[in-house]
Every structure is written in C-alpha cells, then in structure tokens.
All heavy atoms as atom14 arrays in JSON, in Angstrom:
{
  "sequence": "AHAPAAAKGRAGVSLYLRREPDALRVGFGSSEFDGSGRYIEADLPGV",
  "atom14_mask": [
    [1, 1, 1, 1, 1, 0, 0, 0, 0, 0, 0, 0, 0, 0],
    [1, 1, 1, 1, 1, 1, 1, 1, 1, 1, 0, 0, 0, 0],
    [1, 1, 1, 1, 1, 0, 0, 0, 0, 0, 0, 0, 0, 0],
    [1, 1, 1, 1, 1, 1, 1, 0, 0, 0, 0, 0, 0, 0],
    [1, 1, 1, 1, 1, 0, 0, 0, 0, 0, 0, 0, 0, 0],
    [1, 1, 1, 1, 1, 0, 0, 0, 0, 0, 0, 0, 0, 0],
    [1, 1, 1, 1, 1, 0, 0, 0, 0, 0, 0, 0, 0, 0],
    [1, 1, 1, 1, 1, 1, 1, 1, 1, 0, 0, 0, 0, 0],
    [1, 1, 1, 1, 0, 0, 0, 0, 0, 0, 0, 0, 0, 0],
    [1, 1, 1, 1, 1, 1, 1, 1, 1, 1, 1, 0, 0, 0],
    [1, 1, 1, 1, 1, 0, 0, 0, 0, 0, 0, 0, 0, 0],
    [1, 1, 1, 1, 0, 0, 0, 0, 0, 0, 0, 0, 0, 0],
    [1, 1, 1, 1, 1, 1, 1, 0, 0, 0, 0, 0, 0, 0],
    [1, 1, 1, 1, 1, 1, 0, 0, 0, 0, 0, 0, 0, 0],
    [1, 1, 1, 1, 1, 1, 1, 1, 0, 0, 0, 0, 0, 0],
    [1, 1, 1, 1, 1, 1, 1, 1, 1, 1, 1, 1, 0, 0],
    [1, 1, 1, 1, 1, 1, 1, 1, 0, 0, 0, 0, 0, 0],
    [1, 1, 1, 1, 1, 1, 1, 1, 1, 1, 1, 0, 0, 0],
    [1, 1, 1, 1, 1, 1, 1, 1, 1, 1, 1, 0, 0, 0],
    [1, 1, 1, 1, 1, 1, 1, 1, 1, 0, 0, 0, 0, 0],
    [1, 1, 1, 1, 1, 1, 1, 0, 0, 0, 0, 0, 0, 0],
    [1, 1, 1, 1, 1, 1, 1, 1, 0, 0, 0, 0, 0, 0],
    [1, 1, 1, 1, 1, 0, 0, 0, 0, 0, 0, 0, 0, 0],
    [1, 1, 1, 1, 1, 1, 1, 1, 0, 0, 0, 0, 0, 0],
    [1, 1, 1, 1, 1, 1, 1, 1, 1, 1, 1, 0, 0, 0],
    [1, 1, 1, 1, 1, 1, 1, 0, 0, 0, 0, 0, 0, 0],
    [1, 1, 1, 1, 0, 0, 0, 0, 0, 0, 0, 0, 0, 0],
    [1, 1, 1, 1, 1, 1, 1, 1, 1, 1, 1, 0, 0, 0],
    [1, 1, 1, 1, 0, 0, 0, 0, 0, 0, 0, 0, 0, 0],
    [1, 1, 1, 1, 1, 1, 0, 0, 0, 0, 0, 0, 0, 0],
    [1, 1, 1, 1, 1, 1, 0, 0, 0, 0, 0, 0, 0, 0],
    [1, 1, 1, 1, 1, 1, 1, 1, 1, 0, 0, 0, 0, 0],
    [1, 1, 1, 1, 1, 1, 1, 1, 1, 1, 1, 0, 0, 0],
    [1, 1, 1, 1, 1, 1, 1, 1, 0, 0, 0, 0, 0, 0],
    [1, 1, 1, 1, 0, 0, 0, 0, 0, 0, 0, 0, 0, 0],
    [1, 1, 1, 1, 1, 1, 0, 0, 0, 0, 0, 0, 0, 0],
    [1, 1, 1, 1, 0, 0, 0, 0, 0, 0, 0, 0, 0, 0],
    [1, 1, 1, 1, 1, 1, 1, 1, 1, 1, 1, 0, 0, 0],
    [1, 1, 1, 1, 1, 1, 1, 1, 1, 1, 1, 1, 0, 0],
    [1, 1, 1, 1, 1, 1, 1, 1, 0, 0, 0, 0, 0, 0],
    [1, 1, 1, 1, 1, 1, 1, 1, 1, 0, 0, 0, 0, 0],
    [1, 1, 1, 1, 1, 0, 0, 0, 0, 0, 0, 0, 0, 0],
    [1, 1, 1, 1, 1, 1, 1, 1, 0, 0, 0, 0, 0, 0],
    [1, 1, 1, 1, 1, 1, 1, 1, 0, 0, 0, 0, 0, 0],
    [1, 1, 1, 1, 1, 1, 1, 0, 0, 0, 0, 0, 0, 0],
    [1, 1, 1, 1, 0, 0, 0, 0, 0, 0, 0, 0, 0, 0],
    [1, 1, 1, 1, 1, 1, 1, 0, 0, 0, 0, 0, 0, 0]
  ],
  "atom14_positions": [
    [[5.17, -4.44, 4.33], [3.9, -3.68, 4.5], [2.79, -4.2, 3.59], [3.08, -4.58, 2.38], [4.1, -2.2, 4.14], [0.0, 0.0, 0.0], [0.0, 0.0, 0.0], [0.0, 0.0, 0.0], [0.0, 0.0, 0.0], [0.0, 0.0, 0.0], [0.0, 0.0, 0.0], [0.0, 0.0, 0.0], [0.0, 0.0, 0.0], [0.0, 0.0, 0.0]],
    [[1.63, -4.59, 4.27], [0.59, -5.25, 3.55], [-0.72, -4.32, 3.55], [-0.99, -3.74, 4.51], [0.26, -6.59, 4.14], [1.43, -7.47, 4.28], [1.93, -8.25, 3.25], [2.24, -7.91, 5.36], [2.94, -8.98, 3.64], [3.08, -8.71, 4.94], [0.0, 0.0, 0.0], [0.0, 0.0, 0.0], [0.0, 0.0, 0.0], [0.0, 0.0, 0.0]],
    [[-1.32, -4.25, 2.38], [-2.49, -3.44, 2.19], [-3.65, -4.42, 1.66], [-3.77, -4.44, 0.4], [-2.31, -2.26, 1.36], [0.0, 0.0, 0.0], [0.0, 0.0, 0.0], [0.0, 0.0, 0.0], [0.0, 0.0, 0.0], [0.0, 0.0, 0.0], [0.0, 0.0, 0.0], [0.0, 0.0, 0.0], [0.0, 0.0, 0.0], [0.0, 0.0, 0.0]],
    [[-4.38, -5.15, 2.47], [-5.35, -6.04, 2.08], [-6.68, -5.24, 1.62], [-6.8, -4.06, 1.93], [-5.63, -6.82, 3.31], [-5.33, -6.07, 4.52], [-4.17, -5.17, 4.01], [0.0, 0.0, 0.0], [0.0, 0.0, 0.0], [0.0, 0.0, 0.0], [0.0, 0.0, 0.0], [0.0, 0.0, 0.0], [0.0, 0.0, 0.0], [0.0, 0.0, 0.0]],
    [[-7.52, -5.87, 0.87], [-8.74, -5.28, 0.42], [-9.82, -5.36, 1.57], [-9.7, -6.41, 2.31], [-9.31, -6.0, -0.8], [0.0, 0.0, 0.0], [0.0, 0.0, 0.0], [0.0, 0.0, 0.0], [0.0, 0.0, 0.0], [0.0, 0.0, 0.0], [0.0, 0.0, 0.0], [0.0, 0.0, 0.0], [0.0, 0.0, 0.0], [0.0, 0.0, 0.0]],
    [[-10.71, -4.55, 1.65], [-11.8, -4.67, 2.63], [-12.68, -5.86, 2.38], [-13.22, -6.59, 3.17], [-12.62, -3.25, 2.46], [0.0, 0.0, 0.0], [0.0, 0.0, 0.0], [0.0, 0.0, 0.0], [0.0, 0.0, 0.0], [0.0, 0.0, 0.0], [0.0, 0.0, 0.0], [0.0, 0.0, 0.0], [0.0, 0.0, 0.0], [0.0, 0.0, 0.0]],
    [[-12.81, -6.21, 0.99], [-13.42, -7.41, 0.65], [-12.61, -8.53, 0.77], [-11.64, -8.69, 0.0], [-13.92, -7.23, -0.83], [0.0, 0.0, 0.0], [0.0, 0.0, 0.0], [0.0, 0.0, 0.0], [0.0, 0.0, 0.0], [0.0, 0.0, 0.0], [0.0, 0.0, 0.0], [0.0, 0.0, 0.0], [0.0, 0.0, 0.0], [0.0, 0.0, 0.0]],
    [[-12.88, -9.52, 1.6], [-11.96, -10.5, 1.95], [-11.69, -11.44, 0.67], [-12.65, -11.8, 0.05], [-12.53, -11.35, 3.18], [-12.48, -10.45, 4.43], [-12.9, -11.33, 5.64], [-13.09, -10.56, 6.92], [-11.88, -9.96, 7.29], [0.0, 0.0, 0.0], [0.0, 0.0, 0.0], [0.0, 0.0, 0.0], [0.0, 0.0, 0.0], [0.0, 0.0, 0.0]],
    [[-10.42, -11.78, 0.62], [-10.09, -12.83, -0.43], [-9.99, -12.08, -1.86], [-9.72, -12.84, -2.88], [0.0, 0.0, 0.0], [0.0, 0.0, 0.0], [0.0, 0.0, 0.0], [0.0, 0.0, 0.0], [0.0, 0.0, 0.0], [0.0, 0.0, 0.0], [0.0, 0.0, 0.0], [0.0, 0.0, 0.0], [0.0, 0.0, 0.0], [0.0, 0.0, 0.0]],
    [[-9.89, -10.8, -1.89], [-9.83, -10.15, -3.16], [-8.54, -9.22, -3.1], [-8.18, -8.77, -2.04], [-11.08, -9.41, -3.46], [-12.31, -10.13, -3.59], [-13.37, -9.32, -4.39], [-12.97, -8.89, -5.58], [-13.56, -7.71, -6.29], [-14.45, -7.02, -5.54], [-13.14, -7.32, -7.29], [0.0, 0.0, 0.0], [0.0, 0.0, 0.0], [0.0, 0.0, 0.0]],
    [[-8.0, -8.94, -4.32], [-6.92, -8.05, -4.45], [-5.92, -8.04, -3.45], [-5.43, -9.15, -3.1], [-7.52, -6.67, -4.5], [0.0, 0.0, 0.0], [0.0, 0.0, 0.0], [0.0, 0.0, 0.0], [0.0, 0.0, 0.0], [0.0, 0.0, 0.0], [0.0, 0.0, 0.0], [0.0, 0.0, 0.0], [0.0, 0.0, 0.0], [0.0, 0.0, 0.0]],
    [[-5.41, -6.96, -2.95], [-4.39, -6.94, -1.92], [-3.07, -6.63, -2.47], [-2.65, -7.41, -3.47], [0.0, 0.0, 0.0], [0.0, 0.0, 0.0], [0.0, 0.0, 0.0], [0.0, 0.0, 0.0], [0.0, 0.0, 0.0], [0.0, 0.0, 0.0], [0.0, 0.0, 0.0], [0.0, 0.0, 0.0], [0.0, 0.0, 0.0], [0.0, 0.0, 0.0]],
    [[-2.26, -5.65, -1.93], [-0.93, -5.4, -2.38], [0.09, -5.44, -1.23], [-0.36, -5.14, -0.05], [-0.73, -4.12, -3.12], [-1.47, -4.24, -4.54], [-1.54, -2.91, -2.38], [0.0, 0.0, 0.0], [0.0, 0.0, 0.0], [0.0, 0.0, 0.0], [0.0, 0.0, 0.0], [0.0, 0.0, 0.0], [0.0, 0.0, 0.0], [0.0, 0.0, 0.0]],
    [[1.28, -5.7, -1.45], [2.25, -5.75, -0.48], [3.64, -5.14, -1.01], [3.86, -5.13, -2.15], [2.57, -7.1, 0.02], [1.4, -7.69, 0.71], [0.0, 0.0, 0.0], [0.0, 0.0, 0.0], [0.0, 0.0, 0.0], [0.0, 0.0, 0.0], [0.0, 0.0, 0.0], [0.0, 0.0, 0.0], [0.0, 0.0, 0.0], [0.0, 0.0, 0.0]],
    [[4.53, -4.78, 0.03], [5.9, -4.34, -0.3], [6.83, -5.0, 0.6], [6.49, -5.21, 1.79], [6.04, -2.74, -0.13], [5.31, -1.67, -1.04], [5.5, -0.39, -0.72], [5.96, -1.96, -2.34], [0.0, 0.0, 0.0], [0.0, 0.0, 0.0], [0.0, 0.0, 0.0], [0.0, 0.0, 0.0], [0.0, 0.0, 0.0], [0.0, 0.0, 0.0]],
    [[7.9, -5.49, 0.1], [9.0, -6.11, 0.74], [10.22, -5.3, 0.61], [10.64, -5.27, -0.6], [9.18, -7.59, 0.39], [8.07, -8.57, 0.85], [6.8, -8.44, 0.41], [8.45, -9.55, 1.76], [5.84, -9.4, 0.85], [7.42, -10.58, 2.08], [6.14, -10.44, 1.71], [5.24, -11.28, 2.08], [0.0, 0.0, 0.0], [0.0, 0.0, 0.0]],
    [[10.75, -4.7, 1.51], [11.84, -3.82, 1.38], [12.96, -4.24, 2.31], [12.9, -4.66, 3.29], [11.43, -2.34, 1.79], [10.15, -1.79, 1.12], [9.74, -0.44, 1.77], [10.41, -1.73, -0.43], [0.0, 0.0, 0.0], [0.0, 0.0, 0.0], [0.0, 0.0, 0.0], [0.0, 0.0, 0.0], [0.0, 0.0, 0.0], [0.0, 0.0, 0.0]],
    [[14.31, -3.96, 1.84], [15.47, -4.42, 2.58], [15.67, -3.32, 3.72], [16.47, -3.74, 4.62], [16.68, -4.32, 1.53], [16.57, -5.32, 0.54], [16.78, -6.72, 1.04], [16.88, -7.85, -0.03], [17.14, -9.03, 0.19], [17.03, -9.56, 1.36], [17.15, -9.85, -0.85], [0.0, 0.0, 0.0], [0.0, 0.0, 0.0], [0.0, 0.0, 0.0]],
    [[15.01, -2.24, 3.86], [15.25, -1.28, 4.89], [13.85, -0.75, 5.15], [12.97, -0.67, 4.29], [16.2, -0.34, 4.6], [15.98, 0.51, 3.24], [16.57, 1.86, 3.31], [15.86, 2.71, 4.2], [16.26, 3.95, 4.58], [17.53, 4.26, 4.29], [15.54, 4.72, 5.43], [0.0, 0.0, 0.0], [0.0, 0.0, 0.0], [0.0, 0.0, 0.0]],
    [[13.75, -0.17, 6.36], [12.39, 0.51, 6.72], [12.31, 1.83, 5.88], [13.35, 2.53, 5.86], [12.48, 0.87, 8.29], [11.14, 1.38, 8.7], [11.12, 1.52, 10.25], [11.96, 0.96, 10.85], [10.12, 2.21, 10.74], [0.0, 0.0, 0.0], [0.0, 0.0, 0.0], [0.0, 0.0, 0.0], [0.0, 0.0, 0.0], [0.0, 0.0, 0.0]],
    [[11.23, 2.07, 5.35], [11.07, 3.27, 4.55], [11.02, 4.58, 5.23], [10.64, 4.56, 6.55], [9.71, 3.01, 3.69], [8.94, 2.14, 4.68], [10.0, 1.21, 5.28], [0.0, 0.0, 0.0], [0.0, 0.0, 0.0], [0.0, 0.0, 0.0], [0.0, 0.0, 0.0], [0.0, 0.0, 0.0], [0.0, 0.0, 0.0], [0.0, 0.0, 0.0]],
    [[11.22, 5.69, 4.58], [11.09, 7.02, 5.34], [9.56, 7.39, 5.58], [9.27, 8.08, 6.5], [11.68, 8.03, 4.51], [13.23, 7.74, 4.45], [13.73, 7.29, 5.27], [13.76, 8.01, 3.3], [0.0, 0.0, 0.0], [0.0, 0.0, 0.0], [0.0, 0.0, 0.0], [0.0, 0.0, 0.0], [0.0, 0.0, 0.0], [0.0, 0.0, 0.0]],
    [[8.83, 6.88, 4.76], [7.29, 7.1, 4.84], [6.65, 6.08, 4.06], [7.16, 5.45, 3.17], [6.91, 8.46, 4.14], [0.0, 0.0, 0.0], [0.0, 0.0, 0.0], [0.0, 0.0, 0.0], [0.0, 0.0, 0.0], [0.0, 0.0, 0.0], [0.0, 0.0, 0.0], [0.0, 0.0, 0.0], [0.0, 0.0, 0.0], [0.0, 0.0, 0.0]],
    [[5.42, 5.7, 4.37], [4.49, 4.59, 3.87], [3.18, 5.22, 3.74], [2.63, 5.74, 4.6], [4.57, 3.45, 4.69], [3.86, 2.03, 4.27], [4.78, 1.5, 3.14], [3.75, 1.04, 5.32], [0.0, 0.0, 0.0], [0.0, 0.0, 0.0], [0.0, 0.0, 0.0], [0.0, 0.0, 0.0], [0.0, 0.0, 0.0], [0.0, 0.0, 0.0]],
    [[2.53, 4.99, 2.59], [1.08, 5.36, 2.23], [0.36, 4.21, 1.55], [0.78, 3.67, 0.61], [1.26, 6.66, 1.47], [1.76, 7.96, 2.08], [1.97, 9.06, 1.12], [2.96, 8.77, 0.19], [4.3, 9.05, 0.29], [4.7, 9.5, 1.38], [5.09, 8.79, -0.68], [0.0, 0.0, 0.0], [0.0, 0.0, 0.0], [0.0, 0.0, 0.0]],
    [[-0.95, 4.16, 2.03], [-1.82, 3.16, 1.41], [-2.73, 3.99, 0.67], [-3.5, 4.89, 1.29], [-2.38, 2.27, 2.46], [-3.46, 1.3, 1.85], [-1.27, 1.43, 3.08], [0.0, 0.0, 0.0], [0.0, 0.0, 0.0], [0.0, 0.0, 0.0], [0.0, 0.0, 0.0], [0.0, 0.0, 0.0], [0.0, 0.0, 0.0], [0.0, 0.0, 0.0]],
    [[-3.06, 3.58, -0.55], [-4.11, 4.3, -1.34], [-3.58, 5.56, -1.96], [-2.55, 6.03, -1.65], [0.0, 0.0, 0.0], [0.0, 0.0, 0.0], [0.0, 0.0, 0.0], [0.0, 0.0, 0.0], [0.0, 0.0, 0.0], [0.0, 0.0, 0.0], [0.0, 0.0, 0.0], [0.0, 0.0, 0.0], [0.0, 0.0, 0.0], [0.0, 0.0, 0.0]],
    [[-4.42, 6.22, -2.8], [-4.12, 7.5, -3.49], [-5.01, 8.57, -3.28], [-5.26, 9.47, -4.18], [-3.7, 7.17, -4.89], [-4.79, 6.54, -5.75], [-5.65, 7.22, -6.44], [-4.92, 5.21, -5.65], [-6.74, 6.64, -7.14], [-5.93, 4.5, -6.5], [-6.79, 5.28, -7.16], [0.0, 0.0, 0.0], [0.0, 0.0, 0.0], [0.0, 0.0, 0.0]],
    [[-5.73, 8.6, -2.24], [-6.73, 9.52, -1.92], [-8.09, 9.41, -2.51], [-8.88, 10.4, -2.78], [0.0, 0.0, 0.0], [0.0, 0.0, 0.0], [0.0, 0.0, 0.0], [0.0, 0.0, 0.0], [0.0, 0.0, 0.0], [0.0, 0.0, 0.0], [0.0, 0.0, 0.0], [0.0, 0.0, 0.0], [0.0, 0.0, 0.0], [0.0, 0.0, 0.0]],
    [[-8.44, 8.12, -2.89], [-9.67, 7.83, -3.42], [-10.74, 7.29, -2.45], [-10.46, 6.22, -1.93], [-9.43, 6.81, -4.63], [-10.73, 6.35, -5.14], [0.0, 0.0, 0.0], [0.0, 0.0, 0.0], [0.0, 0.0, 0.0], [0.0, 0.0, 0.0], [0.0, 0.0, 0.0], [0.0, 0.0, 0.0], [0.0, 0.0, 0.0], [0.0, 0.0, 0.0]],
    [[-11.88, 8.0, -2.4], [-12.98, 7.51, -1.44], [-13.48, 6.04, -1.95], [-13.86, 5.34, -1.17], [-14.09, 8.5, -1.43], [-14.52, 8.7, -2.71], [0.0, 0.0, 0.0], [0.0, 0.0, 0.0], [0.0, 0.0, 0.0], [0.0, 0.0, 0.0], [0.0, 0.0, 0.0], [0.0, 0.0, 0.0], [0.0, 0.0, 0.0], [0.0, 0.0, 0.0]],
    [[-13.35, 5.8, -3.21], [-13.97, 4.65, -3.69], [-12.86, 3.38, -3.55], [-13.31, 2.25, -3.25], [-14.37, 4.7, -5.23], [-14.86, 3.41, -5.76], [-15.34, 3.44, -7.14], [-15.27, 4.46, -7.8], [-15.97, 2.38, -7.63], [0.0, 0.0, 0.0], [0.0, 0.0, 0.0], [0.0, 0.0, 0.0], [0.0, 0.0, 0.0], [0.0, 0.0, 0.0]],
    [[-11.58, 3.8, -3.88], [-10.62, 2.66, -4.02], [-9.56, 2.48, -2.96], [-8.82, 1.52, -2.93], [-9.87, 2.91, -5.35], [-10.79, 2.8, -6.63], [-11.05, 3.73, -7.31], [-11.35, 1.55, -6.93], [-11.99, 3.79, -8.39], [-12.25, 1.41, -8.11], [-12.64, 2.53, -8.76], [0.0, 0.0, 0.0], [0.0, 0.0, 0.0], [0.0, 0.0, 0.0]],
    [[-9.47, 3.53, -2.03], [-8.47, 3.27, -1.08], [-8.54, 2.12, -0.18], [-7.68, 1.75, 0.51], [-8.27, 4.52, -0.22], [-7.5, 5.62, -1.01], [-7.09, 5.37, -2.21], [-7.24, 6.77, -0.36], [0.0, 0.0, 0.0], [0.0, 0.0, 0.0], [0.0, 0.0, 0.0], [0.0, 0.0, 0.0], [0.0, 0.0, 0.0], [0.0, 0.0, 0.0]],
    [[-9.75, 1.55, 0.03], [-9.84, 0.35, 0.91], [-9.85, -0.89, -0.07], [-10.26, -2.03, 0.56], [0.0, 0.0, 0.0], [0.0, 0.0, 0.0], [0.0, 0.0, 0.0], [0.0, 0.0, 0.0], [0.0, 0.0, 0.0], [0.0, 0.0, 0.0], [0.0, 0.0, 0.0], [0.0, 0.0, 0.0], [0.0, 0.0, 0.0], [0.0, 0.0, 0.0]],
    [[-9.61, -0.84, -1.18], [-9.73, -1.95, -2.15], [-8.42, -2.8, -2.44], [-8.4, -3.68, -3.2], [-10.22, -1.54, -3.5], [-9.36, -0.63, -4.07], [0.0, 0.0, 0.0], [0.0, 0.0, 0.0], [0.0, 0.0, 0.0], [0.0, 0.0, 0.0], [0.0, 0.0, 0.0], [0.0, 0.0, 0.0], [0.0, 0.0, 0.0], [0.0, 0.0, 0.0]],
    [[-7.35, -2.52, -1.56], [-6.23, -3.27, -1.78], [-5.52, -3.27, -2.97], [-4.99, -4.18, -3.54], [0.0, 0.0, 0.0], [0.0, 0.0, 0.0], [0.0, 0.0, 0.0], [0.0, 0.0, 0.0], [0.0, 0.0, 0.0], [0.0, 0.0, 0.0], [0.0, 0.0, 0.0], [0.0, 0.0, 0.0], [0.0, 0.0, 0.0], [0.0, 0.0, 0.0]],
    [[-5.41, -2.08, -3.53], [-4.93, -1.83, -4.9], [-3.58, -0.93, -5.05], [-3.13, -0.84, -6.18], [-6.03, -1.32, -5.8], [-7.18, -2.31, -6.09], [-8.04, -2.11, -7.27], [-9.03, -3.23, -7.25], [-8.85, -4.32, -7.91], [-7.67, -4.6, -8.57], [-9.78, -5.22, -8.13], [0.0, 0.0, 0.0], [0.0, 0.0, 0.0], [0.0, 0.0, 0.0]],
    [[-3.28, -0.21, -4.0], [-2.22, 0.62, -4.05], [-1.5, 0.84, -2.84], [-2.09, 1.16, -1.73], [-2.56, 2.04, -4.7], [-1.43, 2.92, -5.06], [-0.56, 2.73, -6.14], [-1.06, 3.91, -4.16], [0.47, 3.56, -6.52], [0.04, 4.81, -4.42], [0.74, 4.6, -5.67], [1.79, 5.4, -5.83], [0.0, 0.0, 0.0], [0.0, 0.0, 0.0]],
    [[-0.17, 0.8, -2.79], [0.73, 1.14, -1.65], [2.0, 1.7, -2.16], [2.64, 1.24, -3.06], [0.92, -0.13, -0.61], [1.56, 0.28, 0.53], [1.66, -1.32, -1.42], [1.63, -0.91, 1.65], [0.0, 0.0, 0.0], [0.0, 0.0, 0.0], [0.0, 0.0, 0.0], [0.0, 0.0, 0.0], [0.0, 0.0, 0.0], [0.0, 0.0, 0.0]],
    [[2.64, 2.61, -1.4], [3.81, 3.2, -1.83], [4.77, 3.59, -0.64], [4.13, 3.8, 0.47], [3.62, 4.51, -2.58], [3.03, 5.68, -1.82], [2.82, 6.99, -2.68], [2.4, 6.76, -3.91], [2.88, 8.11, -2.18], [0.0, 0.0, 0.0], [0.0, 0.0, 0.0], [0.0, 0.0, 0.0], [0.0, 0.0, 0.0], [0.0, 0.0, 0.0]],
    [[5.99, 3.55, -0.88], [7.04, 3.74, 0.21], [8.02, 4.65, -0.36], [8.57, 4.58, -1.43], [7.66, 2.43, 0.71], [0.0, 0.0, 0.0], [0.0, 0.0, 0.0], [0.0, 0.0, 0.0], [0.0, 0.0, 0.0], [0.0, 0.0, 0.0], [0.0, 0.0, 0.0], [0.0, 0.0, 0.0], [0.0, 0.0, 0.0], [0.0, 0.0, 0.0]],
    [[8.5, 5.67, 0.49], [9.62, 6.5, 0.28], [10.97, 5.8, 0.84], [11.04, 5.56, 1.93], [9.43, 7.9, 0.92], [8.28, 8.72, 0.28], [7.92, 8.29, -0.86], [7.79, 9.62, 0.87], [0.0, 0.0, 0.0], [0.0, 0.0, 0.0], [0.0, 0.0, 0.0], [0.0, 0.0, 0.0], [0.0, 0.0, 0.0], [0.0, 0.0, 0.0]],
    [[11.81, 5.66, -0.08], [13.23, 5.17, 0.28], [14.09, 6.34, -0.13], [13.75, 7.41, -0.81], [13.57, 4.02, -0.55], [12.63, 2.71, -0.24], [12.96, 1.54, -1.26], [12.86, 2.24, 1.15], [0.0, 0.0, 0.0], [0.0, 0.0, 0.0], [0.0, 0.0, 0.0], [0.0, 0.0, 0.0], [0.0, 0.0, 0.0], [0.0, 0.0, 0.0]],
    [[15.37, 6.34, 0.27], [16.21, 7.42, -0.12], [16.38, 7.58, -1.58], [16.76, 6.64, -2.46], [17.66, 6.83, 0.47], [17.22, 6.0, 1.66], [16.05, 5.42, 1.21], [0.0, 0.0, 0.0], [0.0, 0.0, 0.0], [0.0, 0.0, 0.0], [0.0, 0.0, 0.0], [0.0, 0.0, 0.0], [0.0, 0.0, 0.0], [0.0, 0.0, 0.0]],
    [[15.88, 8.79, -2.07], [15.97, 9.1, -3.47], [14.92, 8.46, -4.44], [14.89, 8.83, -5.6], [0.0, 0.0, 0.0], [0.0, 0.0, 0.0], [0.0, 0.0, 0.0], [0.0, 0.0, 0.0], [0.0, 0.0, 0.0], [0.0, 0.0, 0.0], [0.0, 0.0, 0.0], [0.0, 0.0, 0.0], [0.0, 0.0, 0.0], [0.0, 0.0, 0.0]],
    [[14.02, 7.55, -3.92], [13.14, 6.94, -4.73], [11.84, 6.57, -4.04], [12.02, 6.16, -2.86], [13.68, 5.75, -5.5], [14.18, 4.77, -4.49], [12.84, 5.16, -6.49], [0.0, 0.0, 0.0], [0.0, 0.0, 0.0], [0.0, 0.0, 0.0], [0.0, 0.0, 0.0], [0.0, 0.0, 0.0], [0.0, 0.0, 0.0], [0.0, 0.0, 0.0]]
  ]
}
C-alpha cells in the first residue's frame, strides 16, 4: 500500500505486509496533512 504526497517527489509512505490487512487508512483526519504522504496504517489480526 503506497501513500504518495500530492507534491510530486516529496515525502511518501508505504506498507509491505505478508497478508492483506483487515482495514487500511491513509492520513489521520488532518485537512492540512492527509495529502502530504506522511501517514498510513493497516489493521492486522491483533495489531
């Protein structure tokens, strides 16, 4: 799962997981930063 920044060539975060997650979320509910490629999270069993 890749979350690039809106500004090309900057920032960007990714997750590589051995199994498909139960849920995947990009950003943390910030109007300023959710498009900046700085945060991504995935729910796996128990974590």
